[in-house]
N, C-alpha and C. Protein backbone atom coordinates (compact mmCIF):
# COMPACT_ATOMS: atom_id res chain seq x y z
N MET A 1 -27.32 136.54 68.99
CA MET A 1 -27.53 138.18 69.27
C MET A 1 -26.78 138.54 70.45
N LYS A 2 -25.92 139.24 70.68
CA LYS A 2 -25.31 139.72 72.15
C LYS A 2 -25.73 141.19 72.21
N PRO A 3 -26.13 141.35 73.40
CA PRO A 3 -26.51 142.83 74.09
C PRO A 3 -25.19 143.68 73.62
N ILE A 4 -25.50 144.94 73.71
CA ILE A 4 -24.61 146.11 73.19
C ILE A 4 -25.28 146.98 74.57
N VAL A 5 -26.46 146.92 74.80
CA VAL A 5 -26.77 147.96 76.00
C VAL A 5 -27.32 147.00 77.26
N SER A 6 -26.94 147.62 78.27
CA SER A 6 -27.31 146.96 79.31
C SER A 6 -28.35 147.73 80.37
N ILE A 7 -29.31 147.34 80.76
CA ILE A 7 -30.44 147.96 81.66
C ILE A 7 -30.23 147.27 82.91
N ILE A 8 -29.83 148.11 83.92
CA ILE A 8 -29.72 147.49 85.27
C ILE A 8 -30.75 148.37 86.43
N MET A 9 -31.39 147.49 87.07
CA MET A 9 -31.98 148.28 87.80
C MET A 9 -31.89 147.74 89.26
N GLY A 10 -32.03 148.73 90.40
CA GLY A 10 -31.99 148.10 91.73
C GLY A 10 -32.92 146.91 92.28
N SER A 11 -34.18 146.96 91.62
CA SER A 11 -35.42 146.05 92.00
C SER A 11 -36.23 146.12 91.00
N THR A 12 -36.73 144.63 90.51
CA THR A 12 -37.98 144.56 89.70
C THR A 12 -39.05 145.54 89.80
N SER A 13 -39.12 146.20 90.94
CA SER A 13 -40.09 147.51 91.24
C SER A 13 -39.79 148.44 90.33
N ASP A 14 -38.75 148.47 89.90
CA ASP A 14 -38.43 149.67 88.72
C ASP A 14 -38.78 149.32 87.43
N LEU A 15 -39.11 148.16 87.01
CA LEU A 15 -39.38 147.66 86.00
C LEU A 15 -40.42 148.41 85.33
N PRO A 16 -41.94 148.82 85.88
CA PRO A 16 -42.57 149.64 85.21
C PRO A 16 -41.96 151.18 84.41
N ILE A 17 -40.98 151.70 85.16
CA ILE A 17 -40.41 152.73 84.50
C ILE A 17 -39.31 152.17 83.39
N MET A 18 -38.44 151.18 83.79
CA MET A 18 -37.36 150.95 82.64
C MET A 18 -38.19 150.29 81.52
N GLU A 19 -39.03 149.39 81.45
CA GLU A 19 -39.97 148.86 80.32
C GLU A 19 -39.69 149.94 79.26
N LYS A 20 -39.77 151.37 79.65
CA LYS A 20 -40.01 152.47 78.31
C LYS A 20 -38.75 152.30 77.72
N ALA A 21 -37.71 152.24 78.35
CA ALA A 21 -36.09 152.15 77.52
C ALA A 21 -36.29 150.74 76.87
N ALA A 22 -36.50 149.78 77.60
CA ALA A 22 -36.66 148.50 76.73
C ALA A 22 -37.40 148.65 75.36
N LYS A 23 -38.68 149.16 75.78
CA LYS A 23 -39.60 149.30 74.25
C LYS A 23 -38.91 149.99 73.20
N LEU A 24 -37.99 150.92 73.68
CA LEU A 24 -37.33 152.14 72.47
C LEU A 24 -36.46 151.39 71.91
N LEU A 25 -35.37 150.55 72.69
CA LEU A 25 -34.57 150.01 72.27
C LEU A 25 -34.84 148.77 71.59
N ASP A 26 -35.93 147.78 71.80
CA ASP A 26 -36.48 146.89 71.08
C ASP A 26 -37.28 147.62 69.60
N GLU A 27 -37.78 148.85 69.53
CA GLU A 27 -38.09 149.35 68.41
C GLU A 27 -37.42 149.73 67.38
N LEU A 28 -36.13 150.18 67.95
CA LEU A 28 -34.86 150.30 67.02
C LEU A 28 -33.95 149.42 66.67
N GLN A 29 -34.29 148.38 67.17
CA GLN A 29 -33.54 147.35 67.03
C GLN A 29 -31.95 146.94 67.62
N VAL A 30 -32.14 147.48 68.75
CA VAL A 30 -30.93 147.60 69.73
C VAL A 30 -30.68 146.36 70.72
N PRO A 31 -29.73 145.20 70.35
CA PRO A 31 -29.78 144.30 71.19
C PRO A 31 -29.32 144.45 72.70
N PHE A 32 -30.14 144.25 73.57
CA PHE A 32 -30.03 144.89 75.04
C PHE A 32 -30.23 143.48 76.07
N GLU A 33 -30.11 143.67 77.28
CA GLU A 33 -30.20 142.95 78.38
C GLU A 33 -30.61 143.71 79.52
N MET A 34 -31.61 142.65 80.35
CA MET A 34 -32.00 143.61 81.54
C MET A 34 -31.94 142.62 82.70
N ASN A 35 -31.46 143.41 83.77
CA ASN A 35 -30.90 142.37 85.03
C ASN A 35 -31.52 143.75 86.30
N ALA A 36 -31.63 142.66 87.48
CA ALA A 36 -31.38 143.53 88.84
C ALA A 36 -30.49 143.10 89.58
N LEU A 37 -29.78 144.40 89.87
CA LEU A 37 -28.47 144.33 90.89
C LEU A 37 -28.74 145.56 91.56
N SER A 38 -28.32 145.33 93.14
CA SER A 38 -28.31 146.19 94.02
C SER A 38 -27.07 146.55 94.61
N ALA A 39 -26.70 147.76 94.59
CA ALA A 39 -25.39 148.21 95.14
C ALA A 39 -25.37 147.83 96.57
N HIS A 40 -26.38 147.73 97.49
CA HIS A 40 -26.11 147.37 98.75
C HIS A 40 -26.38 145.92 98.98
N ARG A 41 -27.44 145.41 98.37
CA ARG A 41 -27.91 143.94 98.32
C ARG A 41 -27.00 143.05 97.70
N THR A 42 -26.24 143.18 96.77
CA THR A 42 -25.30 142.43 96.06
C THR A 42 -24.45 143.02 95.62
N PRO A 43 -23.64 143.54 96.45
CA PRO A 43 -22.30 144.28 95.91
C PRO A 43 -21.46 143.88 95.17
N GLU A 44 -20.94 142.67 95.44
CA GLU A 44 -20.32 141.62 94.76
C GLU A 44 -20.56 141.41 93.25
N ALA A 45 -21.73 141.31 93.12
CA ALA A 45 -22.53 140.94 91.82
C ALA A 45 -22.47 142.31 90.85
N VAL A 46 -22.79 143.38 91.58
CA VAL A 46 -22.28 144.60 90.77
C VAL A 46 -21.16 144.92 90.44
N GLU A 47 -20.14 144.61 91.10
CA GLU A 47 -18.72 144.97 90.75
C GLU A 47 -18.31 144.31 89.40
N HIS A 48 -18.77 142.59 89.76
CA HIS A 48 -18.32 141.71 88.41
C HIS A 48 -19.15 142.08 87.52
N PHE A 49 -20.40 142.31 87.72
CA PHE A 49 -20.79 142.90 86.00
C PHE A 49 -20.14 144.00 85.66
N ALA A 50 -19.69 145.07 86.49
CA ALA A 50 -19.41 146.28 85.88
C ALA A 50 -18.06 146.21 85.36
N LYS A 51 -16.92 145.23 85.85
CA LYS A 51 -15.74 145.01 85.61
C LYS A 51 -15.62 144.24 84.28
N ASN A 52 -16.73 143.23 84.00
CA ASN A 52 -16.84 142.48 82.90
C ASN A 52 -17.74 143.00 81.71
N ALA A 53 -18.34 144.00 81.91
CA ALA A 53 -19.28 144.61 80.73
C ALA A 53 -18.75 144.88 79.88
N LYS A 54 -17.69 145.53 79.71
CA LYS A 54 -17.20 145.90 78.15
C LYS A 54 -16.67 144.99 77.45
N GLY A 55 -15.96 143.79 78.44
CA GLY A 55 -15.52 142.49 77.72
C GLY A 55 -16.77 141.48 77.26
N ARG A 56 -17.66 141.90 77.47
CA ARG A 56 -19.05 141.09 76.91
C ARG A 56 -19.68 141.85 76.06
N GLY A 57 -18.86 142.79 75.47
CA GLY A 57 -19.48 143.68 74.42
C GLY A 57 -20.59 144.97 74.70
N ILE A 58 -20.80 145.03 76.08
CA ILE A 58 -21.68 146.35 76.61
C ILE A 58 -21.02 147.49 75.93
N GLN A 59 -21.93 148.13 75.41
CA GLN A 59 -21.07 149.82 74.91
C GLN A 59 -22.03 150.71 75.64
N VAL A 60 -22.85 150.48 76.13
CA VAL A 60 -23.90 151.72 76.88
C VAL A 60 -24.43 150.73 78.33
N ILE A 61 -24.31 151.28 79.62
CA ILE A 61 -25.04 150.86 80.70
C ILE A 61 -26.12 151.85 81.10
N ILE A 62 -27.40 151.54 80.93
CA ILE A 62 -28.48 152.31 81.49
C ILE A 62 -28.56 151.95 83.08
N ALA A 63 -28.53 152.50 84.02
CA ALA A 63 -28.67 152.17 85.28
C ALA A 63 -29.73 152.68 86.08
N ALA A 64 -30.54 152.21 86.77
CA ALA A 64 -31.84 153.03 87.34
C ALA A 64 -31.63 152.80 89.01
N ALA A 65 -31.91 153.78 89.94
CA ALA A 65 -32.26 153.71 90.94
C ALA A 65 -32.86 154.55 91.95
N GLY A 66 -33.61 154.33 92.86
CA GLY A 66 -34.18 154.96 93.65
C GLY A 66 -33.62 155.67 95.03
N MET A 67 -34.34 156.38 96.01
CA MET A 67 -33.63 156.33 97.44
C MET A 67 -32.18 156.98 97.34
N ALA A 68 -31.42 156.27 97.84
CA ALA A 68 -29.88 156.57 97.74
C ALA A 68 -29.38 156.54 96.52
N ALA A 69 -29.97 155.75 95.55
CA ALA A 69 -29.36 155.74 94.08
C ALA A 69 -27.98 155.74 94.03
N HIS A 70 -27.17 154.63 94.95
CA HIS A 70 -25.90 154.36 94.61
C HIS A 70 -25.49 153.38 93.18
N LEU A 71 -26.38 152.76 92.74
CA LEU A 71 -26.14 151.92 91.81
C LEU A 71 -25.68 152.46 90.64
N PRO A 72 -26.01 153.57 89.64
CA PRO A 72 -25.09 153.93 88.54
C PRO A 72 -23.83 154.32 88.96
N GLY A 73 -23.40 155.19 89.97
CA GLY A 73 -22.05 155.59 90.61
C GLY A 73 -21.41 154.26 90.62
N VAL A 74 -21.76 153.36 91.57
CA VAL A 74 -20.97 152.28 91.77
C VAL A 74 -20.56 151.40 90.45
N ILE A 75 -21.70 151.56 89.53
CA ILE A 75 -21.20 150.88 88.53
C ILE A 75 -20.06 151.81 87.66
N ALA A 76 -20.37 152.78 87.40
CA ALA A 76 -19.30 153.65 86.84
C ALA A 76 -18.10 153.48 87.50
N ALA A 77 -17.77 153.37 88.86
CA ALA A 77 -16.41 153.53 89.47
C ALA A 77 -15.70 152.23 88.90
N SER A 78 -16.36 151.04 88.27
CA SER A 78 -15.78 149.87 87.98
C SER A 78 -15.82 149.72 86.36
N THR A 79 -16.28 150.43 85.53
CA THR A 79 -16.10 150.37 84.43
C THR A 79 -15.82 151.77 83.38
N THR A 80 -15.45 151.45 81.97
CA THR A 80 -14.83 152.56 81.42
C THR A 80 -16.10 152.79 80.34
N VAL A 81 -17.30 151.63 80.71
CA VAL A 81 -18.12 151.82 79.72
C VAL A 81 -19.25 153.05 80.35
N PRO A 82 -19.67 154.00 79.07
CA PRO A 82 -20.45 154.90 79.81
C PRO A 82 -21.74 154.72 80.47
N VAL A 83 -22.04 155.16 81.53
CA VAL A 83 -23.00 154.88 82.42
C VAL A 83 -24.16 156.08 82.14
N ILE A 84 -25.61 155.48 82.10
CA ILE A 84 -26.69 156.73 82.17
C ILE A 84 -27.23 156.25 83.04
N GLY A 85 -27.60 157.37 84.19
CA GLY A 85 -28.12 156.99 85.18
C GLY A 85 -29.50 157.54 85.11
N VAL A 86 -31.02 156.77 85.35
CA VAL A 86 -32.02 157.11 85.60
C VAL A 86 -32.46 157.28 86.98
N PRO A 87 -32.64 158.30 87.78
CA PRO A 87 -33.37 158.21 89.12
C PRO A 87 -34.92 158.14 88.87
N ILE A 88 -35.06 157.16 89.82
CA ILE A 88 -36.66 156.70 90.27
C ILE A 88 -37.10 157.04 91.24
N LYS A 89 -38.33 157.72 91.00
CA LYS A 89 -39.40 158.38 92.12
C LYS A 89 -39.41 157.17 92.88
N SER A 90 -39.15 157.52 94.15
CA SER A 90 -39.61 156.60 95.22
C SER A 90 -39.84 157.48 96.55
N THR A 91 -38.80 158.34 96.84
CA THR A 91 -39.16 158.89 98.19
C THR A 91 -38.56 160.10 97.48
N LEU A 92 -39.16 161.38 98.29
CA LEU A 92 -39.08 162.35 98.20
C LEU A 92 -39.08 163.00 97.00
N GLU A 93 -39.95 162.68 96.00
CA GLU A 93 -40.42 162.94 94.88
C GLU A 93 -39.38 162.61 93.78
N GLY A 94 -38.26 161.82 94.13
CA GLY A 94 -37.00 161.26 93.71
C GLY A 94 -35.95 162.38 93.35
N MET A 95 -36.20 163.34 93.89
CA MET A 95 -35.24 164.45 94.27
C MET A 95 -33.95 163.67 95.04
N ASP A 96 -34.15 162.77 95.73
CA ASP A 96 -32.72 162.32 96.57
C ASP A 96 -32.09 161.18 95.49
N ALA A 97 -32.77 160.28 94.81
CA ALA A 97 -32.23 159.78 93.54
C ALA A 97 -31.62 160.69 92.55
N LEU A 98 -31.98 161.66 92.29
CA LEU A 98 -31.51 162.63 91.11
C LEU A 98 -30.34 163.00 91.69
N LEU A 99 -30.15 163.82 93.11
CA LEU A 99 -29.29 164.10 93.57
C LEU A 99 -27.97 163.30 93.93
N ALA A 100 -28.23 162.37 94.14
CA ALA A 100 -27.08 161.03 94.43
C ALA A 100 -26.45 160.63 93.07
N ILE A 101 -27.21 160.51 92.09
CA ILE A 101 -26.96 160.11 90.68
C ILE A 101 -25.82 161.32 90.20
N VAL A 102 -26.40 162.23 90.03
CA VAL A 102 -25.88 163.46 89.43
C VAL A 102 -24.92 164.23 90.02
N GLN A 103 -24.57 164.13 91.40
CA GLN A 103 -23.50 164.28 91.87
C GLN A 103 -22.24 163.53 92.20
N MET A 104 -21.69 163.25 90.99
CA MET A 104 -20.57 162.16 91.25
C MET A 104 -19.30 162.89 91.40
N PRO A 105 -18.24 162.34 91.92
CA PRO A 105 -17.35 163.05 91.97
C PRO A 105 -16.27 162.87 90.48
N PRO A 106 -15.20 163.88 90.69
CA PRO A 106 -14.36 163.95 89.41
C PRO A 106 -13.81 162.93 88.91
N GLY A 107 -13.96 162.50 87.58
CA GLY A 107 -13.26 161.49 87.44
C GLY A 107 -14.30 159.86 87.09
N ILE A 108 -15.41 160.07 87.79
CA ILE A 108 -16.64 159.00 87.70
C ILE A 108 -18.19 159.74 87.65
N PRO A 109 -18.12 160.04 86.21
CA PRO A 109 -19.28 160.69 85.66
C PRO A 109 -20.09 159.42 85.40
N VAL A 110 -21.57 160.10 85.55
CA VAL A 110 -22.78 159.54 85.28
C VAL A 110 -23.48 160.39 84.31
N ALA A 111 -23.83 160.02 83.24
CA ALA A 111 -24.81 161.00 82.74
C ALA A 111 -26.15 160.70 83.30
N THR A 112 -27.00 161.64 83.40
CA THR A 112 -28.11 161.52 84.52
C THR A 112 -29.40 162.22 83.55
N VAL A 113 -30.30 161.46 83.26
CA VAL A 113 -31.68 161.99 82.92
C VAL A 113 -32.67 162.51 84.05
N GLY A 114 -33.54 162.74 83.63
CA GLY A 114 -34.74 163.38 84.62
C GLY A 114 -34.97 162.17 85.17
N ILE A 115 -35.82 162.70 86.56
CA ILE A 115 -36.45 161.53 86.95
C ILE A 115 -37.63 160.76 86.47
N ASN A 116 -37.50 159.44 86.52
CA ASN A 116 -38.16 158.59 86.00
C ASN A 116 -38.13 158.74 84.27
N ALA A 117 -37.08 158.92 83.70
CA ALA A 117 -37.07 159.30 82.25
C ALA A 117 -36.24 158.39 81.63
N ALA A 118 -36.90 156.93 81.60
CA ALA A 118 -36.34 155.92 80.94
C ALA A 118 -36.18 156.17 79.53
N MET A 119 -37.10 156.46 78.97
CA MET A 119 -37.07 156.67 77.41
C MET A 119 -35.76 157.62 77.04
N ASN A 120 -35.71 158.54 77.87
CA ASN A 120 -34.82 159.14 77.59
C ASN A 120 -33.13 159.05 77.61
N ALA A 121 -33.17 158.12 78.57
CA ALA A 121 -31.84 157.13 78.64
C ALA A 121 -31.72 156.14 77.34
N ALA A 122 -32.73 155.58 77.10
CA ALA A 122 -32.57 154.77 75.80
C ALA A 122 -32.35 155.79 74.60
N ILE A 123 -32.75 156.75 74.68
CA ILE A 123 -32.84 157.84 73.46
C ILE A 123 -31.18 158.13 73.52
N LEU A 124 -30.55 158.48 74.53
CA LEU A 124 -29.04 158.84 74.97
C LEU A 124 -28.10 157.69 74.61
N ALA A 125 -28.39 156.59 74.87
CA ALA A 125 -27.88 155.59 74.60
C ALA A 125 -27.64 155.18 72.74
N VAL A 126 -28.94 155.45 72.40
CA VAL A 126 -28.77 155.15 70.98
C VAL A 126 -27.94 156.26 70.03
N GLN A 127 -28.04 157.46 70.76
CA GLN A 127 -27.54 158.65 70.20
C GLN A 127 -25.96 158.42 70.16
N MET A 128 -25.32 157.69 71.30
CA MET A 128 -24.00 157.31 71.64
C MET A 128 -23.68 156.15 70.46
N LEU A 129 -24.70 155.22 70.42
CA LEU A 129 -24.36 154.18 69.78
C LEU A 129 -24.24 154.47 67.94
N SER A 130 -25.12 155.56 67.49
CA SER A 130 -25.18 155.89 66.45
C SER A 130 -23.86 156.58 65.97
N LEU A 131 -23.10 156.94 66.65
CA LEU A 131 -22.02 157.53 66.39
C LEU A 131 -20.73 156.42 65.55
N ALA A 132 -21.07 155.29 65.70
CA ALA A 132 -20.43 154.22 64.96
C ALA A 132 -21.08 153.51 64.45
N ASP A 133 -22.60 153.46 64.17
CA ASP A 133 -23.34 152.58 63.56
C ASP A 133 -24.43 153.24 62.69
N GLU A 134 -23.96 153.46 61.36
CA GLU A 134 -24.78 154.44 60.60
C GLU A 134 -26.04 154.04 60.51
N ASP A 135 -26.36 152.62 60.50
CA ASP A 135 -28.01 151.70 60.01
C ASP A 135 -28.78 152.13 61.43
N LEU A 136 -27.99 152.30 62.34
CA LEU A 136 -28.56 152.60 63.69
C LEU A 136 -29.16 153.97 63.78
N GLY A 137 -27.95 154.90 63.22
CA GLY A 137 -28.41 156.37 63.21
C GLY A 137 -29.66 156.48 61.88
N THR A 138 -29.99 155.86 61.22
CA THR A 138 -30.79 156.11 60.22
C THR A 138 -32.06 155.93 60.89
N ARG A 139 -32.14 154.68 61.50
CA ARG A 139 -33.27 154.14 62.19
C ARG A 139 -33.64 155.43 63.19
N PHE A 140 -32.65 155.84 63.77
CA PHE A 140 -32.99 156.80 65.04
C PHE A 140 -33.49 158.24 64.34
N ALA A 141 -33.01 158.56 63.12
CA ALA A 141 -33.45 159.68 62.44
C ALA A 141 -34.90 159.54 61.82
N ASP A 142 -35.25 158.37 61.46
CA ASP A 142 -36.33 157.98 61.16
C ASP A 142 -37.69 158.18 62.62
N TYR A 143 -37.15 157.90 63.48
CA TYR A 143 -37.44 157.96 64.72
C TYR A 143 -37.95 159.38 65.07
N LYS A 144 -37.00 160.24 65.21
CA LYS A 144 -36.97 161.26 65.41
C LYS A 144 -38.08 162.13 64.59
N GLU A 145 -38.23 161.83 63.08
CA GLU A 145 -38.77 162.29 62.01
C GLU A 145 -40.44 161.92 62.55
N ASN A 146 -40.50 160.68 62.90
CA ASN A 146 -41.82 160.40 63.47
C ASN A 146 -42.45 161.22 64.64
N LEU A 147 -41.31 161.69 65.59
CA LEU A 147 -42.06 162.27 66.57
C LEU A 147 -42.69 163.62 66.15
N LYS A 148 -41.84 164.10 65.03
CA LYS A 148 -42.35 165.73 64.26
C LYS A 148 -43.45 165.27 63.73
N LYS A 149 -43.73 164.42 63.14
CA LYS A 149 -45.18 164.08 62.63
C LYS A 149 -45.97 163.79 63.68
N LYS A 150 -45.94 163.35 64.86
CA LYS A 150 -46.95 163.13 65.55
C LYS A 150 -47.39 164.65 65.98
N ILE A 151 -46.47 165.37 66.33
CA ILE A 151 -46.90 166.83 66.80
C ILE A 151 -47.54 167.24 65.88
N GLU A 152 -47.16 167.39 64.46
CA GLU A 152 -47.92 168.05 63.61
C GLU A 152 -49.27 167.42 63.32
N LYS A 153 -49.79 166.43 63.60
CA LYS A 153 -50.81 165.90 63.34
C LYS A 153 -51.79 166.20 64.87
N ALA A 154 -51.12 166.24 66.06
CA ALA A 154 -52.06 166.83 66.93
C ALA A 154 -52.09 167.93 66.75
N ASN A 155 -51.61 168.99 66.57
CA ASN A 155 -52.11 170.41 65.93
C ASN A 155 -52.99 170.36 64.71
N GLU A 156 -53.04 169.41 63.99
CA GLU A 156 -54.05 169.44 63.06
C GLU A 156 -55.34 169.18 63.73
N GLU A 157 -55.34 168.21 64.68
CA GLU A 157 -56.44 167.68 64.99
C GLU A 157 -56.90 168.85 66.56
N LEU A 158 -56.01 169.54 66.81
CA LEU A 158 -56.47 170.47 68.02
C LEU A 158 -57.25 171.78 67.08
N LYS A 159 -57.13 171.96 65.38
CA LYS A 159 -57.99 172.59 64.98
C LYS A 159 -59.37 172.53 65.04
N GLU A 160 -59.51 171.39 65.39
CA GLU A 160 -60.81 170.71 65.49
C GLU A 160 -61.56 171.08 66.60
N VAL A 161 -60.57 171.52 67.76
CA VAL A 161 -61.32 171.79 69.20
C VAL A 161 -61.79 172.79 69.12
N LYS A 162 -63.03 173.16 69.46
CA LYS A 162 -63.87 174.33 69.67
C LYS A 162 -64.08 175.11 70.67
N TYR A 163 -63.55 176.34 70.98
CA TYR A 163 -64.17 177.10 72.21
C TYR A 163 -64.70 178.27 71.56
N ALA A 164 -65.56 178.96 72.70
CA ALA A 164 -65.97 180.30 72.08
C ALA A 164 -64.95 181.26 71.95
N TYR A 165 -63.93 181.30 72.54
CA TYR A 165 -62.99 182.30 72.55
C TYR A 165 -61.76 181.88 72.07
N LYS A 166 -61.63 180.54 71.61
CA LYS A 166 -60.64 179.96 70.91
C LYS A 166 -60.39 180.67 69.58
N THR A 167 -59.15 181.11 69.23
CA THR A 167 -58.94 181.78 68.01
C THR A 167 -58.36 181.18 66.81
N ASN A 168 -57.91 179.78 67.12
CA ASN A 168 -57.47 179.10 66.12
C ASN A 168 -57.74 177.75 65.74
């Protein structure tokens, strides 16, 4: 099995956030890899990874970083593979990371999800991959249908919650 999605994080301290992406990809049977690379501590390794990702079969990269959050942009600068950035809340409530990732210069886009929104990054990756993989598209449609069913079930359960002035 060869990975088609790469989850990259600046440090393993980001793993509690990024495992949400891993769990969703696993659930939808998308082969992926996970690595820690630092734009500042291992810049040569980041460049090597980015330049070789497409040749290794990687179709989407999910890159997480906090604080200065250069990792997603540095990767995007050296590859033609789509990069999805996940800003990690570490300082300034994650706003520093969000702004660092979303404010890329023309020609070097990084699709950016919300702060700590690794699951949304995985969903976006799956949507991209589903354009060329009908089976994955079907599994993803089932996943979305199950989200709808969870809300419908929650509303049924809420009907049983009683308050003196609750009208439904």
